PDB file of all heavy atoms in Angstrom:
ATOM      1  N   LEU A   1      -3.424 -10.271 -18.882  1.00  0.00           N
ATOM      2  CA  LEU A   1      -2.315 -10.081 -17.872  1.00  0.00           C
ATOM      3  C   LEU A   1      -1.245  -9.070 -18.523  1.00  0.00           C
ATOM      4  O   LEU A   1      -0.678  -8.277 -17.755  1.00  0.00           O
ATOM      5  CB  LEU A   1      -1.709 -11.488 -17.532  1.00  0.00           C
ATOM      6  CG  LEU A   1      -0.707 -11.432 -16.461  1.00  0.00           C
ATOM      7  CD1 LEU A   1      -1.295 -10.872 -15.159  1.00  0.00           C
ATOM      8  CD2 LEU A   1      -0.299 -12.924 -16.129  1.00  0.00           C
ATOM      9  N   ASP A   2      -1.030  -9.257 -19.801  1.00  0.00           N
ATOM     10  CA  ASP A   2       0.090  -8.448 -20.327  1.00  0.00           C
ATOM     11  C   ASP A   2      -0.311  -6.853 -20.376  1.00  0.00           C
ATOM     12  O   ASP A   2       0.532  -6.029 -20.316  1.00  0.00           O
ATOM     13  CB  ASP A   2       0.375  -8.711 -21.847  1.00  0.00           C
ATOM     14  CG  ASP A   2      -0.854  -8.752 -22.761  1.00  0.00           C
ATOM     15  OD1 ASP A   2      -2.041  -8.687 -22.188  1.00  0.00           O
ATOM     16  OD2 ASP A   2      -0.615  -8.651 -23.922  1.00  0.00           O
ATOM     17  N   GLN A   3      -1.680  -6.562 -20.246  1.00  0.00           N
ATOM     18  CA  GLN A   3      -2.124  -5.161 -20.146  1.00  0.00           C
ATOM     19  C   GLN A   3      -2.184  -4.773 -18.535  1.00  0.00           C
ATOM     20  O   GLN A   3      -1.871  -3.593 -18.221  1.00  0.00           O
ATOM     21  CB  GLN A   3      -3.414  -4.974 -20.652  1.00  0.00           C
ATOM     22  CG  GLN A   3      -3.564  -5.198 -22.170  1.00  0.00           C
ATOM     23  CD  GLN A   3      -5.003  -4.981 -22.721  1.00  0.00           C
ATOM     24  OE1 GLN A   3      -5.839  -4.411 -22.099  1.00  0.00           O
ATOM     25  NE2 GLN A   3      -5.271  -5.592 -23.905  1.00  0.00           N
ATOM     26  N   LEU A   4      -2.487  -5.743 -17.712  1.00  0.00           N
ATOM     27  CA  LEU A   4      -2.609  -5.497 -16.319  1.00  0.00           C
ATOM     28  C   LEU A   4      -1.350  -5.252 -15.656  1.00  0.00           C
ATOM     29  O   LEU A   4      -1.148  -4.550 -14.711  1.00  0.00           O
ATOM     30  CB  LEU A   4      -3.358  -6.679 -15.681  1.00  0.00           C
ATOM     31  CG  LEU A   4      -3.669  -6.640 -14.161  1.00  0.00           C
ATOM     32  CD1 LEU A   4      -4.593  -5.376 -13.909  1.00  0.00           C
ATOM     33  CD2 LEU A   4      -4.459  -7.824 -13.783  1.00  0.00           C
ATOM     34  N   ARG A   5      -0.231  -5.993 -16.116  1.00  0.00           N
ATOM     35  CA  ARG A   5       1.002  -6.019 -15.484  1.00  0.00           C
ATOM     36  C   ARG A   5       1.647  -4.555 -15.301  1.00  0.00           C
ATOM     37  O   ARG A   5       2.213  -4.289 -14.168  1.00  0.00           O
ATOM     38  CB  ARG A   5       2.069  -6.825 -16.268  1.00  0.00           C
ATOM     39  CG  ARG A   5       2.027  -8.261 -15.915  1.00  0.00           C
ATOM     40  CD  ARG A   5       3.359  -8.936 -16.416  1.00  0.00           C
ATOM     41  NE  ARG A   5       3.168 -10.420 -16.265  1.00  0.00           N
ATOM     42  CZ  ARG A   5       2.910 -11.269 -17.274  1.00  0.00           C
ATOM     43  NH1 ARG A   5       2.761 -10.789 -18.543  1.00  0.00           N
ATOM     44  NH2 ARG A   5       2.754 -12.508 -17.059  1.00  0.00           N
ATOM     45  N   GLN A   6       1.428  -3.716 -16.144  1.00  0.00           N
ATOM     46  CA  GLN A   6       1.915  -2.319 -16.104  1.00  0.00           C
ATOM     47  C   GLN A   6       1.389  -1.529 -14.889  1.00  0.00           C
ATOM     48  O   GLN A   6       1.889  -0.551 -14.502  1.00  0.00           O
ATOM     49  CB  GLN A   6       1.642  -1.552 -17.389  1.00  0.00           C
ATOM     50  CG  GLN A   6       0.091  -1.356 -17.675  1.00  0.00           C
ATOM     51  CD  GLN A   6      -0.133  -0.662 -18.938  1.00  0.00           C
ATOM     52  OE1 GLN A   6       0.457   0.431 -19.117  1.00  0.00           O
ATOM     53  NE2 GLN A   6      -0.990  -1.132 -19.779  1.00  0.00           N
ATOM     54  N   HIS A   7       0.200  -2.019 -14.451  1.00  0.00           N
ATOM     55  CA  HIS A   7      -0.452  -1.198 -13.247  1.00  0.00           C
ATOM     56  C   HIS A   7      -0.162  -2.009 -11.959  1.00  0.00           C
ATOM     57  O   HIS A   7      -0.493  -1.347 -10.837  1.00  0.00           O
ATOM     58  CB  HIS A   7      -2.046  -1.325 -13.443  1.00  0.00           C
ATOM     59  CG  HIS A   7      -2.407  -0.562 -14.745  1.00  0.00           C
ATOM     60  ND1 HIS A   7      -2.162   0.781 -14.947  1.00  0.00           N
ATOM     61  CD2 HIS A   7      -2.969  -0.977 -15.731  1.00  0.00           C
ATOM     62  CE1 HIS A   7      -2.633   1.093 -16.118  1.00  0.00           C
ATOM     63  NE2 HIS A   7      -3.152   0.044 -16.713  1.00  0.00           N
ATOM     64  N   LEU A   8       0.341  -3.250 -11.918  1.00  0.00           N
ATOM     65  CA  LEU A   8       0.582  -3.996 -10.695  1.00  0.00           C
ATOM     66  C   LEU A   8       1.941  -3.591 -10.073  1.00  0.00           C
ATOM     67  O   LEU A   8       2.858  -3.440 -10.748  1.00  0.00           O
ATOM     68  CB  LEU A   8       0.493  -5.393 -11.020  1.00  0.00           C
ATOM     69  CG  LEU A   8      -0.835  -6.048 -11.432  1.00  0.00           C
ATOM     70  CD1 LEU A   8      -0.615  -7.438 -11.734  1.00  0.00           C
ATOM     71  CD2 LEU A   8      -1.877  -5.731 -10.463  1.00  0.00           C
ATOM     72  N   PHE A   9       1.955  -3.612  -8.704  1.00  0.00           N
ATOM     73  CA  PHE A   9       3.205  -3.675  -8.049  1.00  0.00           C
ATOM     74  C   PHE A   9       3.348  -4.975  -7.282  1.00  0.00           C
ATOM     75  O   PHE A   9       2.364  -5.507  -6.882  1.00  0.00           O
ATOM     76  CB  PHE A   9       3.343  -2.435  -7.118  1.00  0.00           C
ATOM     77  CG  PHE A   9       2.478  -2.486  -6.001  1.00  0.00           C
ATOM     78  CD1 PHE A   9       2.637  -3.123  -4.819  1.00  0.00           C
ATOM     79  CD2 PHE A   9       1.279  -1.588  -6.146  1.00  0.00           C
ATOM     80  CE1 PHE A   9       1.652  -3.082  -3.739  1.00  0.00           C
ATOM     81  CE2 PHE A   9       0.313  -1.534  -5.021  1.00  0.00           C
ATOM     82  CZ  PHE A   9       0.548  -2.233  -3.929  1.00  0.00           C
ATOM     83  N   ILE A  10       4.552  -5.424  -7.135  1.00  0.00           N
ATOM     84  CA  ILE A  10       4.868  -6.726  -6.360  1.00  0.00           C
ATOM     85  C   ILE A  10       5.959  -6.474  -5.387  1.00  0.00           C
ATOM     86  O   ILE A  10       6.958  -5.989  -5.777  1.00  0.00           O
ATOM     87  CB  ILE A  10       5.260  -7.868  -7.353  1.00  0.00           C
ATOM     88  CG1 ILE A  10       4.228  -8.082  -8.371  1.00  0.00           C
ATOM     89  CG2 ILE A  10       5.603  -9.089  -6.553  1.00  0.00           C
ATOM     90  CD1 ILE A  10       4.613  -9.000  -9.452  1.00  0.00           C
ATOM     91  N   LEU A  11       5.665  -6.635  -4.142  1.00  0.00           N
ATOM     92  CA  LEU A  11       6.615  -6.496  -3.073  1.00  0.00           C
ATOM     93  C   LEU A  11       6.845  -7.841  -2.317  1.00  0.00           C
ATOM     94  O   LEU A  11       5.884  -8.464  -2.018  1.00  0.00           O
ATOM     95  CB  LEU A  11       6.169  -5.418  -2.157  1.00  0.00           C
ATOM     96  CG  LEU A  11       5.973  -4.022  -2.800  1.00  0.00           C
ATOM     97  CD1 LEU A  11       5.457  -3.112  -1.698  1.00  0.00           C
ATOM     98  CD2 LEU A  11       7.450  -3.458  -3.185  1.00  0.00           C
ATOM     99  N   LEU A  12       8.101  -8.125  -1.990  1.00  0.00           N
ATOM    100  CA  LEU A  12       8.387  -9.366  -1.376  1.00  0.00           C
ATOM    101  C   LEU A  12       9.095  -9.115   0.110  1.00  0.00           C
ATOM    102  O   LEU A  12       9.659  -8.039   0.345  1.00  0.00           O
ATOM    103  CB  LEU A  12       9.381 -10.188  -2.211  1.00  0.00           C
ATOM    104  CG  LEU A  12       9.061 -10.433  -3.617  1.00  0.00           C
ATOM    105  CD1 LEU A  12      10.230 -11.169  -4.318  1.00  0.00           C
ATOM    106  CD2 LEU A  12       7.758 -11.108  -3.814  1.00  0.00           C
ATOM    107  N   HIS A  13       8.729 -10.105   0.955  1.00  0.00           N
ATOM    108  CA  HIS A  13       9.412 -10.137   2.321  1.00  0.00           C
ATOM    109  C   HIS A  13       9.374  -8.904   3.022  1.00  0.00           C
ATOM    110  O   HIS A  13       8.297  -8.390   3.307  1.00  0.00           O
ATOM    111  CB  HIS A  13      10.914 -10.587   2.082  1.00  0.00           C
ATOM    112  CG  HIS A  13      11.073 -11.822   1.045  1.00  0.00           C
ATOM    113  ND1 HIS A  13      10.238 -12.896   1.092  1.00  0.00           N
ATOM    114  CD2 HIS A  13      11.880 -11.944   0.027  1.00  0.00           C
ATOM    115  CE1 HIS A  13      10.689 -13.793   0.150  1.00  0.00           C
ATOM    116  NE2 HIS A  13      11.508 -13.153  -0.532  1.00  0.00           N
ATOM    117  N   GLN A  14      10.535  -8.277   3.390  1.00  0.00           N
ATOM    118  CA  GLN A  14      10.592  -7.100   4.233  1.00  0.00           C
ATOM    119  C   GLN A  14       9.951  -5.828   3.508  1.00  0.00           C
ATOM    120  O   GLN A  14       9.372  -4.977   4.224  1.00  0.00           O
ATOM    121  CB  GLN A  14      12.073  -6.751   4.583  1.00  0.00           C
ATOM    122  CG  GLN A  14      12.776  -7.717   5.560  1.00  0.00           C
ATOM    123  CD  GLN A  14      14.197  -7.403   5.770  1.00  0.00           C
ATOM    124  OE1 GLN A  14      14.936  -7.111   4.750  1.00  0.00           O
ATOM    125  NE2 GLN A  14      14.602  -7.462   6.879  1.00  0.00           N
ATOM    126  N   ASP A  15       9.997  -5.785   2.160  1.00  0.00           N
ATOM    127  CA  ASP A  15       9.414  -4.708   1.476  1.00  0.00           C
ATOM    128  C   ASP A  15       7.918  -4.809   1.602  1.00  0.00           C
ATOM    129  O   ASP A  15       7.190  -3.753   1.823  1.00  0.00           O
ATOM    130  CB  ASP A  15       9.737  -4.741   0.008  1.00  0.00           C
ATOM    131  CG  ASP A  15      11.281  -4.375  -0.237  1.00  0.00           C
ATOM    132  OD1 ASP A  15      11.823  -3.696   0.575  1.00  0.00           O
ATOM    133  OD2 ASP A  15      11.763  -4.835  -1.295  1.00  0.00           O
ATOM    134  N   ALA A  16       7.364  -6.036   1.615  1.00  0.00           N
ATOM    135  CA  ALA A  16       5.801  -6.180   1.762  1.00  0.00           C
ATOM    136  C   ALA A  16       5.473  -5.779   3.176  1.00  0.00           C
ATOM    137  O   ALA A  16       4.409  -5.353   3.386  1.00  0.00           O
ATOM    138  CB  ALA A  16       5.496  -7.694   1.457  1.00  0.00           C
ATOM    139  N   VAL A  17       6.334  -6.259   4.161  1.00  0.00           N
ATOM    140  CA  VAL A  17       6.010  -5.940   5.542  1.00  0.00           C
ATOM    141  C   VAL A  17       5.975  -4.492   5.744  1.00  0.00           C
ATOM    142  O   VAL A  17       5.125  -3.822   6.296  1.00  0.00           O
ATOM    143  CB  VAL A  17       7.036  -6.597   6.492  1.00  0.00           C
ATOM    144  CG1 VAL A  17       6.934  -6.131   7.919  1.00  0.00           C
ATOM    145  CG2 VAL A  17       6.917  -8.033   6.444  1.00  0.00           C
ATOM    146  N   MET A  18       7.010  -3.717   5.264  1.00  0.00           N
ATOM    147  CA  MET A  18       7.129  -2.213   5.491  1.00  0.00           C
ATOM    148  C   MET A  18       5.796  -1.614   4.642  1.00  0.00           C
ATOM    149  O   MET A  18       5.353  -0.563   5.192  1.00  0.00           O
ATOM    150  CB  MET A  18       8.402  -1.708   4.960  1.00  0.00           C
ATOM    151  CG  MET A  18       8.498  -0.216   5.030  1.00  0.00           C
ATOM    152  SD  MET A  18       8.042   0.584   6.636  1.00  0.00           S
ATOM    153  CE  MET A  18       9.734   0.642   7.310  1.00  0.00           C
ATOM    154  N   HIS A  19       5.575  -2.066   3.598  1.00  0.00           N
ATOM    155  CA  HIS A  19       4.466  -1.468   2.774  1.00  0.00           C
ATOM    156  C   HIS A  19       3.198  -1.461   3.561  1.00  0.00           C
ATOM    157  O   HIS A  19       2.463  -0.449   3.698  1.00  0.00           O
ATOM    158  CB  HIS A  19       4.188  -2.160   1.447  1.00  0.00           C
ATOM    159  CG  HIS A  19       3.163  -1.641   0.669  1.00  0.00           C
ATOM    160  ND1 HIS A  19       3.283  -0.413  -0.006  1.00  0.00           N
ATOM    161  CD2 HIS A  19       1.844  -2.153   0.364  1.00  0.00           C
ATOM    162  CE1 HIS A  19       2.045  -0.209  -0.633  1.00  0.00           C
ATOM    163  NE2 HIS A  19       1.186  -1.175  -0.356  1.00  0.00           N
ATOM    164  N   LEU A  20       2.756  -2.618   4.161  1.00  0.00           N
ATOM    165  CA  LEU A  20       1.559  -2.672   4.876  1.00  0.00           C
ATOM    166  C   LEU A  20       1.609  -1.708   6.185  1.00  0.00           C
ATOM    167  O   LEU A  20       0.603  -1.083   6.496  1.00  0.00           O
ATOM    168  CB  LEU A  20       1.261  -4.182   5.440  1.00  0.00           C
ATOM    169  CG  LEU A  20       0.022  -4.303   6.296  1.00  0.00           C
ATOM    170  CD1 LEU A  20      -1.220  -3.858   5.485  1.00  0.00           C
ATOM    171  CD2 LEU A  20      -0.223  -5.714   6.634  1.00  0.00           C
ATOM    172  N   MET A  21       2.775  -1.588   6.755  1.00  0.00           N
ATOM    173  CA  MET A  21       2.928  -0.676   7.848  1.00  0.00           C
ATOM    174  C   MET A  21       2.607   0.778   7.432  1.00  0.00           C
ATOM    175  O   MET A  21       2.036   1.527   8.099  1.00  0.00           O
ATOM    176  CB  MET A  21       4.346  -0.723   8.444  1.00  0.00           C
ATOM    177  CG  MET A  21       4.828  -2.115   8.921  1.00  0.00           C
ATOM    178  SD  MET A  21       4.181  -2.487  10.501  1.00  0.00           S
ATOM    179  CE  MET A  21       4.862  -4.036  10.797  1.00  0.00           C
ATOM    180  N   ARG A  22       3.235   1.079   6.259  1.00  0.00           N
ATOM    181  CA  ARG A  22       3.029   2.475   5.717  1.00  0.00           C
ATOM    182  C   ARG A  22       1.522   2.799   5.297  1.00  0.00           C
ATOM    183  O   ARG A  22       1.022   3.784   5.513  1.00  0.00           O
ATOM    184  CB  ARG A  22       3.914   2.658   4.410  1.00  0.00           C
ATOM    185  CG  ARG A  22       5.332   2.683   4.792  1.00  0.00           C
ATOM    186  CD  ARG A  22       6.248   3.068   3.653  1.00  0.00           C
ATOM    187  NE  ARG A  22       6.353   4.562   3.600  1.00  0.00           N
ATOM    188  CZ  ARG A  22       5.663   5.279   2.723  1.00  0.00           C
ATOM    189  NH1 ARG A  22       4.894   4.771   1.702  1.00  0.00           N
ATOM    190  NH2 ARG A  22       5.807   6.551   2.667  1.00  0.00           N
ATOM    191  N   VAL A  23       0.952   1.636   4.781  1.00  0.00           N
ATOM    192  CA  VAL A  23      -0.584   1.842   4.380  1.00  0.00           C
ATOM    193  C   VAL A  23      -1.401   2.035   5.617  1.00  0.00           C
ATOM    194  O   VAL A  23      -2.149   2.978   5.666  1.00  0.00           O
ATOM    195  CB  VAL A  23      -0.999   0.563   3.652  1.00  0.00           C
ATOM    196  CG1 VAL A  23      -2.507   0.543   3.457  1.00  0.00           C
ATOM    197  CG2 VAL A  23      -0.413   0.474   2.295  1.00  0.00           C
ATOM    198  N   ALA A  24      -1.118   1.212   6.656  1.00  0.00           N
ATOM    199  CA  ALA A  24      -1.871   1.345   7.929  1.00  0.00           C
ATOM    200  C   ALA A  24      -1.696   2.720   8.531  1.00  0.00           C
ATOM    201  O   ALA A  24      -2.612   3.237   9.192  1.00  0.00           O
ATOM    202  CB  ALA A  24      -1.527   0.182   8.896  1.00  0.00           C
ATOM    203  N   ALA A  25      -0.515   3.264   8.428  1.00  0.00           N
ATOM    204  CA  ALA A  25      -0.212   4.606   9.034  1.00  0.00           C
ATOM    205  C   ALA A  25      -0.672   5.738   8.192  1.00  0.00           C
ATOM    206  O   ALA A  25      -0.538   6.889   8.601  1.00  0.00           O
ATOM    207  CB  ALA A  25       1.255   4.732   9.215  1.00  0.00           C
ATOM    208  N   GLY A  26      -1.151   5.505   6.996  1.00  0.00           N
ATOM    209  CA  GLY A  26      -1.705   6.509   6.141  1.00  0.00           C
ATOM    210  C   GLY A  26      -0.702   7.163   5.313  1.00  0.00           C
ATOM    211  O   GLY A  26      -0.812   8.339   4.654  1.00  0.00           O
ATOM    212  N   LEU A  27       0.607   6.707   5.291  1.00  0.00           N
ATOM    213  CA  LEU A  27       1.755   7.315   4.537  1.00  0.00           C
ATOM    214  C   LEU A  27       1.566   6.974   3.073  1.00  0.00           C
ATOM    215  O   LEU A  27       2.394   7.592   2.232  1.00  0.00           O
ATOM    216  CB  LEU A  27       3.001   6.833   5.134  1.00  0.00           C
ATOM    217  CG  LEU A  27       3.213   7.225   6.610  1.00  0.00           C
ATOM    218  CD1 LEU A  27       4.592   6.946   7.093  1.00  0.00           C
ATOM    219  CD2 LEU A  27       2.885   8.563   6.925  1.00  0.00           C
ATOM    220  N   ASP A  28       0.811   6.028   2.633  1.00  0.00           N
ATOM    221  CA  ASP A  28       0.697   5.694   1.235  1.00  0.00           C
ATOM    222  C   ASP A  28      -0.581   6.181   0.654  1.00  0.00           C
ATOM    223  O   ASP A  28      -0.983   5.920  -0.463  1.00  0.00           O
ATOM    224  CB  ASP A  28       0.798   4.116   1.068  1.00  0.00           C
ATOM    225  CG  ASP A  28       1.155   3.794  -0.388  1.00  0.00           C
ATOM    226  OD1 ASP A  28       2.217   4.140  -0.946  1.00  0.00           O
ATOM    227  OD2 ASP A  28       0.182   3.135  -1.057  1.00  0.00           O
ATOM    228  N   SER A  29      -1.318   6.951   1.380  1.00  0.00           N
ATOM    229  CA  SER A  29      -2.736   7.371   1.028  1.00  0.00           C
ATOM    230  C   SER A  29      -2.637   8.624   0.081  1.00  0.00           C
ATOM    231  O   SER A  29      -1.699   9.282  -0.002  1.00  0.00           O
ATOM    232  CB  SER A  29      -3.595   7.800   2.187  1.00  0.00           C
ATOM    233  OG  SER A  29      -3.707   6.601   3.000  1.00  0.00           O
ATOM    234  N   LEU A  30      -3.688   8.861  -0.696  1.00  0.00           N
ATOM    235  CA  LEU A  30      -3.835   9.945  -1.494  1.00  0.00           C
ATOM    236  C   LEU A  30      -3.824  11.243  -0.720  1.00  0.00           C
ATOM    237  O   LEU A  30      -3.022  12.176  -1.139  1.00  0.00           O
ATOM    238  CB  LEU A  30      -5.244   9.903  -2.237  1.00  0.00           C
ATOM    239  CG  LEU A  30      -5.456  10.909  -3.311  1.00  0.00           C
ATOM    240  CD1 LEU A  30      -4.460  10.848  -4.496  1.00  0.00           C
ATOM    241  CD2 LEU A  30      -6.918  10.786  -3.879  1.00  0.00           C
ATOM    242  N   VAL A  31      -4.390  11.335   0.428  1.00  0.00           N
ATOM    243  CA  VAL A  31      -4.292  12.416   1.390  1.00  0.00           C
ATOM    244  C   VAL A  31      -3.363  11.841   2.589  1.00  0.00           C
ATOM    245  O   VAL A  31      -3.762  11.021   3.207  1.00  0.00           O
ATOM    246  CB  VAL A  31      -5.559  12.795   1.993  1.00  0.00           C
ATOM    247  CG1 VAL A  31      -5.434  13.915   3.045  1.00  0.00           C
ATOM    248  CG2 VAL A  31      -6.470  13.345   0.950  1.00  0.00           C
ATOM    249  N   LEU A  32      -2.152  12.430   2.578  1.00  0.00           N
ATOM    250  CA  LEU A  32      -1.091  11.919   3.532  1.00  0.00           C
ATOM    251  C   LEU A  32      -1.757  11.964   5.022  1.00  0.00           C
ATOM    252  O   LEU A  32      -2.067  13.039   5.413  1.00  0.00           O
ATOM    253  CB  LEU A  32       0.115  12.800   3.366  1.00  0.00           C
ATOM    254  CG  LEU A  32       1.365  12.391   4.185  1.00  0.00           C
ATOM    255  CD1 LEU A  32       1.805  11.041   3.547  1.00  0.00           C
ATOM    256  CD2 LEU A  32       2.390  13.362   4.008  1.00  0.00           C
ATOM    257  N   GLY A  33      -1.630  10.772   5.657  1.00  0.00           N
ATOM    258  CA  GLY A  33      -1.994  10.741   7.007  1.00  0.00           C
ATOM    259  C   GLY A  33      -3.428  10.635   7.278  1.00  0.00           C
ATOM    260  O   GLY A  33      -3.867  10.733   8.454  1.00  0.00           O
ATOM    261  N   GLU A  34      -4.183  10.355   6.248  1.00  0.00           N
ATOM    262  CA  GLU A  34      -5.739  10.188   6.499  1.00  0.00           C
ATOM    263  C   GLU A  34      -6.051   8.959   7.371  1.00  0.00           C
ATOM    264  O   GLU A  34      -5.263   7.969   7.319  1.00  0.00           O
ATOM    265  CB  GLU A  34      -6.501  10.140   5.193  1.00  0.00           C
ATOM    266  CG  GLU A  34      -6.037   8.990   4.262  1.00  0.00           C
ATOM    267  CD  GLU A  34      -7.028   7.721   4.447  1.00  0.00           C
ATOM    268  OE1 GLU A  34      -7.987   7.864   5.180  1.00  0.00           O
ATOM    269  OE2 GLU A  34      -6.653   6.754   3.781  1.00  0.00           O
ATOM    270  N   GLY A  35      -7.010   9.064   8.189  1.00  0.00           N
ATOM    271  CA  GLY A  35      -7.264   8.102   9.177  1.00  0.00           C
ATOM    272  C   GLY A  35      -8.173   6.975   8.768  1.00  0.00           C
ATOM    273  O   GLY A  35      -8.120   5.875   9.372  1.00  0.00           O
ATOM    274  N   GLN A  36      -8.899   7.022   7.706  1.00  0.00           N
ATOM    275  CA  GLN A  36      -9.841   5.947   7.374  1.00  0.00           C
ATOM    276  C   GLN A  36      -9.145   4.647   6.965  1.00  0.00           C
ATOM    277  O   GLN A  36      -9.692   3.588   7.324  1.00  0.00           O
ATOM    278  CB  GLN A  36     -10.681   6.445   6.125  1.00  0.00           C
ATOM    279  CG  GLN A  36     -11.878   5.523   5.776  1.00  0.00           C
ATOM    280  CD  GLN A  36     -12.676   5.976   4.683  1.00  0.00           C
ATOM    281  OE1 GLN A  36     -12.290   6.927   3.982  1.00  0.00           O
ATOM    282  NE2 GLN A  36     -13.789   5.380   4.339  1.00  0.00           N
ATOM    283  N   ILE A  37      -8.025   4.775   6.452  1.00  0.00           N
ATOM    284  CA  ILE A  37      -7.356   3.498   5.935  1.00  0.00           C
ATOM    285  C   ILE A  37      -6.980   2.559   7.105  1.00  0.00           C
ATOM    286  O   ILE A  37      -6.957   1.262   6.953  1.00  0.00           O
ATOM    287  CB  ILE A  37      -6.088   3.838   5.133  1.00  0.00           C
ATOM    288  CG1 ILE A  37      -5.418   2.552   4.503  1.00  0.00           C
ATOM    289  CG2 ILE A  37      -4.994   4.483   6.053  1.00  0.00           C
ATOM    290  CD1 ILE A  37      -6.383   1.924   3.469  1.00  0.00           C
ATOM    291  N   LEU A  38      -6.708   2.973   8.239  1.00  0.00           N
ATOM    292  CA  LEU A  38      -6.488   2.138   9.419  1.00  0.00           C
ATOM    293  C   LEU A  38      -7.755   1.285   9.821  1.00  0.00           C
ATOM    294  O   LEU A  38      -7.501   0.118   9.988  1.00  0.00           O
ATOM    295  CB  LEU A  38      -6.012   2.883  10.638  1.00  0.00           C
ATOM    296  CG  LEU A  38      -5.690   1.992  11.901  1.00  0.00           C
ATOM    297  CD1 LEU A  38      -4.569   1.085  11.573  1.00  0.00           C
ATOM    298  CD2 LEU A  38      -5.304   2.996  13.115  1.00  0.00           C
ATOM    299  N   ALA A  39      -8.919   1.857   9.696  1.00  0.00           N
ATOM    300  CA  ALA A  39     -10.092   1.126   9.911  1.00  0.00           C
ATOM    301  C   ALA A  39     -10.300  -0.010   8.875  1.00  0.00           C
ATOM    302  O   ALA A  39     -10.731  -1.026   9.117  1.00  0.00           O
ATOM    303  CB  ALA A  39     -11.353   2.006   9.971  1.00  0.00           C
ATOM    304  N   GLN A  40      -9.889   0.372   7.646  1.00  0.00           N
ATOM    305  CA  GLN A  40     -10.052  -0.549   6.537  1.00  0.00           C
ATOM    306  C   GLN A  40      -9.011  -1.728   6.609  1.00  0.00           C
ATOM    307  O   GLN A  40      -9.278  -2.841   6.291  1.00  0.00           O
ATOM    308  CB  GLN A  40      -9.707   0.228   5.228  1.00  0.00           C
ATOM    309  CG  GLN A  40     -10.963   1.068   4.876  1.00  0.00           C
ATOM    310  CD  GLN A  40     -10.524   2.106   3.700  1.00  0.00           C
ATOM    311  OE1 GLN A  40      -9.468   2.571   3.579  1.00  0.00           O
ATOM    312  NE2 GLN A  40     -11.610   2.632   3.029  1.00  0.00           N
ATOM    313  N   VAL A  41      -7.721  -1.503   7.149  1.00  0.00           N
ATOM    314  CA  VAL A  41      -6.804  -2.553   7.444  1.00  0.00           C
ATOM    315  C   VAL A  41      -7.338  -3.475   8.562  1.00  0.00           C
ATOM    316  O   VAL A  41      -7.183  -4.675   8.440  1.00  0.00           O
ATOM    317  CB  VAL A  41      -5.489  -1.847   7.803  1.00  0.00           C
ATOM    318  CG1 VAL A  41      -4.458  -2.913   8.280  1.00  0.00           C
ATOM    319  CG2 VAL A  41      -4.804  -1.228   6.585  1.00  0.00           C
TER     320      VAL A  41
END
């Protein structure tokens, strides 16, 4: 866990809600706006 923590992000409440919205919209993707992630969500 002490090695893994540096790679993890933790978001709470409204930040978690907004993050999922951004992921579903492709705004957090490697290729901005890619469509495959919505099907994965």
